[in-house]
Amino acid sequence: MAIILRLDRVMADRKISLNDLADQVGIANVSLSKIKTGKVSAIRFSTLNAICDALDCQRFSFFHIGCMLPCGYWACALFLP
């Protein structure tokens, strides 16, 4: 099982750019880009709360738990609330 980030989809739905979100959250563009692409191994809850406040979404609304299928596609097993 893996945690799949869908921050890019939430940002697209809200029509907000990476630069604008980074400014609102108060973190560097590079750090937010790493979060968006899933290149981080941890994220502070304070950062997660700031992202959710800026995007006006529920906590963990852009995380999914899934697994890689043998064909190479991801299967989402559970959507976190």
C-alpha atoms as a PDB file:
ATOM      1  CA  MET A   1       0.000   0.000   0.000  1.00  0.00           C
ATOM      2  CA  ALA A   2       1.127   3.523  -0.732  1.00  0.00           C
ATOM      3  CA  ILE A   3      -0.114   7.014   0.012  1.00  0.00           C
ATOM      4  CA  ILE A   4      -0.994   8.805  -3.217  1.00  0.00           C
ATOM      5  CA  LEU A   5      -1.023  12.599  -3.275  1.00  0.00           C
ATOM      6  CA  ARG A   6      -3.605  14.373  -5.394  1.00  0.00           C
ATOM      7  CA  LEU A   7      -2.680  17.934  -4.483  1.00  0.00           C
ATOM      8  CA  ASP A   8      -2.372  18.826  -8.171  1.00  0.00           C
ATOM      9  CA  ARG A   9      -6.018  17.911  -8.755  1.00  0.00           C
ATOM     10  CA  VAL A  10      -7.225  19.943  -5.791  1.00  0.00           C
ATOM     11  CA  MET A  11      -5.141  22.907  -6.960  1.00  0.00           C
ATOM     12  CA  ALA A  12      -6.574  22.602 -10.485  1.00  0.00           C
ATOM     13  CA  ASP A  13     -10.123  22.444  -9.109  1.00  0.00           C
ATOM     14  CA  ARG A  14      -9.473  25.612  -7.089  1.00  0.00           C
ATOM     15  CA  LYS A  15      -7.646  27.257 -10.039  1.00  0.00           C
ATOM     16  CA  ILE A  16      -4.639  28.192  -7.916  1.00  0.00           C
ATOM     17  CA  SER A  17      -1.039  28.167  -9.062  1.00  0.00           C
ATOM     18  CA  LEU A  18       1.898  26.700  -7.189  1.00  0.00           C
ATOM     19  CA  ASN A  19       3.365  30.166  -6.609  1.00  0.00           C
ATOM     20  CA  ASP A  20       0.107  31.581  -5.231  1.00  0.00           C
ATOM     21  CA  LEU A  21      -0.412  28.606  -2.918  1.00  0.00           C
ATOM     22  CA  ALA A  22       3.195  28.773  -1.686  1.00  0.00           C
ATOM     23  CA  ASP A  23       2.735  32.471  -0.889  1.00  0.00           C
ATOM     24  CA  GLN A  24      -0.513  31.836   0.995  1.00  0.00           C
ATOM     25  CA  VAL A  25       0.929  28.898   2.940  1.00  0.00           C
ATOM     26  CA  GLY A  26       4.223  30.613   3.661  1.00  0.00           C
ATOM     27  CA  ILE A  27       6.603  27.960   2.361  1.00  0.00           C
ATOM     28  CA  ALA A  28       9.093  27.941  -0.502  1.00  0.00           C
ATOM     29  CA  ASN A  29       7.937  27.042  -4.004  1.00  0.00           C
ATOM     30  CA  VAL A  30      10.478  24.215  -4.090  1.00  0.00           C
ATOM     31  CA  SER A  31       9.094  22.698  -0.884  1.00  0.00           C
ATOM     32  CA  LEU A  32       5.511  22.882  -2.121  1.00  0.00           C
ATOM     33  CA  SER A  33       6.559  21.412  -5.462  1.00  0.00           C
ATOM     34  CA  LYS A  34       8.104  18.433  -3.668  1.00  0.00           C
ATOM     35  CA  ILE A  35       4.907  17.935  -1.684  1.00  0.00           C
ATOM     36  CA  LYS A  36       2.831  18.189  -4.863  1.00  0.00           C
ATOM     37  CA  THR A  37       4.921  15.591  -6.720  1.00  0.00           C
ATOM     38  CA  GLY A  38       5.146  13.240  -3.738  1.00  0.00           C
ATOM     39  CA  LYS A  39       8.905  13.579  -3.374  1.00  0.00           C
ATOM     40  CA  VAL A  40       8.701  14.055   0.399  1.00  0.00           C
ATOM     41  CA  SER A  41       8.777  11.391   3.067  1.00  0.00           C
ATOM     42  CA  ALA A  42       7.079  13.524   5.715  1.00  0.00           C
ATOM     43  CA  ILE A  43       4.977  16.653   6.054  1.00  0.00           C
ATOM     44  CA  ARG A  44       4.311  18.686   9.177  1.00  0.00           C
ATOM     45  CA  PHE A  45       0.720  18.867  10.321  1.00  0.00           C
ATOM     46  CA  SER A  46       1.040  22.633  10.529  1.00  0.00           C
ATOM     47  CA  THR A  47       2.008  22.727   6.838  1.00  0.00           C
ATOM     48  CA  LEU A  48      -0.828  20.369   5.958  1.00  0.00           C
ATOM     49  CA  ASN A  49      -3.281  22.558   7.888  1.00  0.00           C
ATOM     50  CA  ALA A  50      -2.003  25.694   6.152  1.00  0.00           C
ATOM     51  CA  ILE A  51      -2.398  24.059   2.721  1.00  0.00           C
ATOM     52  CA  CYS A  52      -5.929  22.943   3.550  1.00  0.00           C
ATOM     53  CA  ASP A  53      -6.832  26.384   4.890  1.00  0.00           C
ATOM     54  CA  ALA A  54      -5.528  28.044   1.723  1.00  0.00           C
ATOM     55  CA  LEU A  55      -7.375  25.562  -0.516  1.00  0.00           C
ATOM     56  CA  ASP A  56     -10.519  25.592   1.653  1.00  0.00           C
ATOM     57  CA  CYS A  57     -10.614  21.808   1.850  1.00  0.00           C
ATOM     58  CA  GLN A  58     -10.844  19.187   4.565  1.00  0.00           C
ATOM     59  CA  ARG A  59      -7.727  17.757   6.133  1.00  0.00           C
ATOM     60  CA  PHE A  60      -6.343  14.831   4.150  1.00  0.00           C
ATOM     61  CA  SER A  61      -8.746  15.423   1.241  1.00  0.00           C
ATOM     62  CA  PHE A  62      -5.917  15.079  -1.280  1.00  0.00           C
ATOM     63  CA  PHE A  63      -4.459  11.841   0.110  1.00  0.00           C
ATOM     64  CA  HIS A  64      -5.479   8.395  -1.105  1.00  0.00           C
ATOM     65  CA  ILE A  65      -4.268   4.962  -0.094  1.00  0.00           C
ATOM     66  CA  GLY A  66      -3.705   2.596  -2.967  1.00  0.00           C
ATOM     67  CA  CYS A  67      -1.533  -0.108  -4.419  1.00  0.00           C
ATOM     68  CA  MET A  68       0.265  -0.676  -7.702  1.00  0.00           C
ATOM     69  CA  LEU A  69      -1.425  -3.289  -9.882  1.00  0.00           C
ATOM     70  CA  PRO A  70       0.655  -5.762 -11.908  1.00  0.00           C
ATOM     71  CA  CYS A  71      -0.293  -3.878 -15.081  1.00  0.00           C
ATOM     72  CA  GLY A  72       1.357  -0.712 -13.721  1.00  0.00           C
ATOM     73  CA  TYR A  73      -1.794   1.219 -12.817  1.00  0.00           C
ATOM     74  CA  TRP A  74      -2.689   2.429  -9.348  1.00  0.00           C
ATOM     75  CA  ALA A  75      -5.802   1.141  -7.612  1.00  0.00           C
ATOM     76  CA  CYS A  76      -7.156   3.374  -4.873  1.00  0.00           C
ATOM     77  CA  ALA A  77      -8.314   1.221  -2.006  1.00  0.00           C
ATOM     78  CA  LEU A  78      -9.465   3.888   0.384  1.00  0.00           C
ATOM     79  CA  PHE A  79     -10.164   7.596   0.329  1.00  0.00           C
ATOM     80  CA  LEU A  80      -9.225   9.278   3.564  1.00  0.00           C
ATOM     81  CA  PRO A  81     -11.849  11.720   4.870  1.00  0.00           C
END
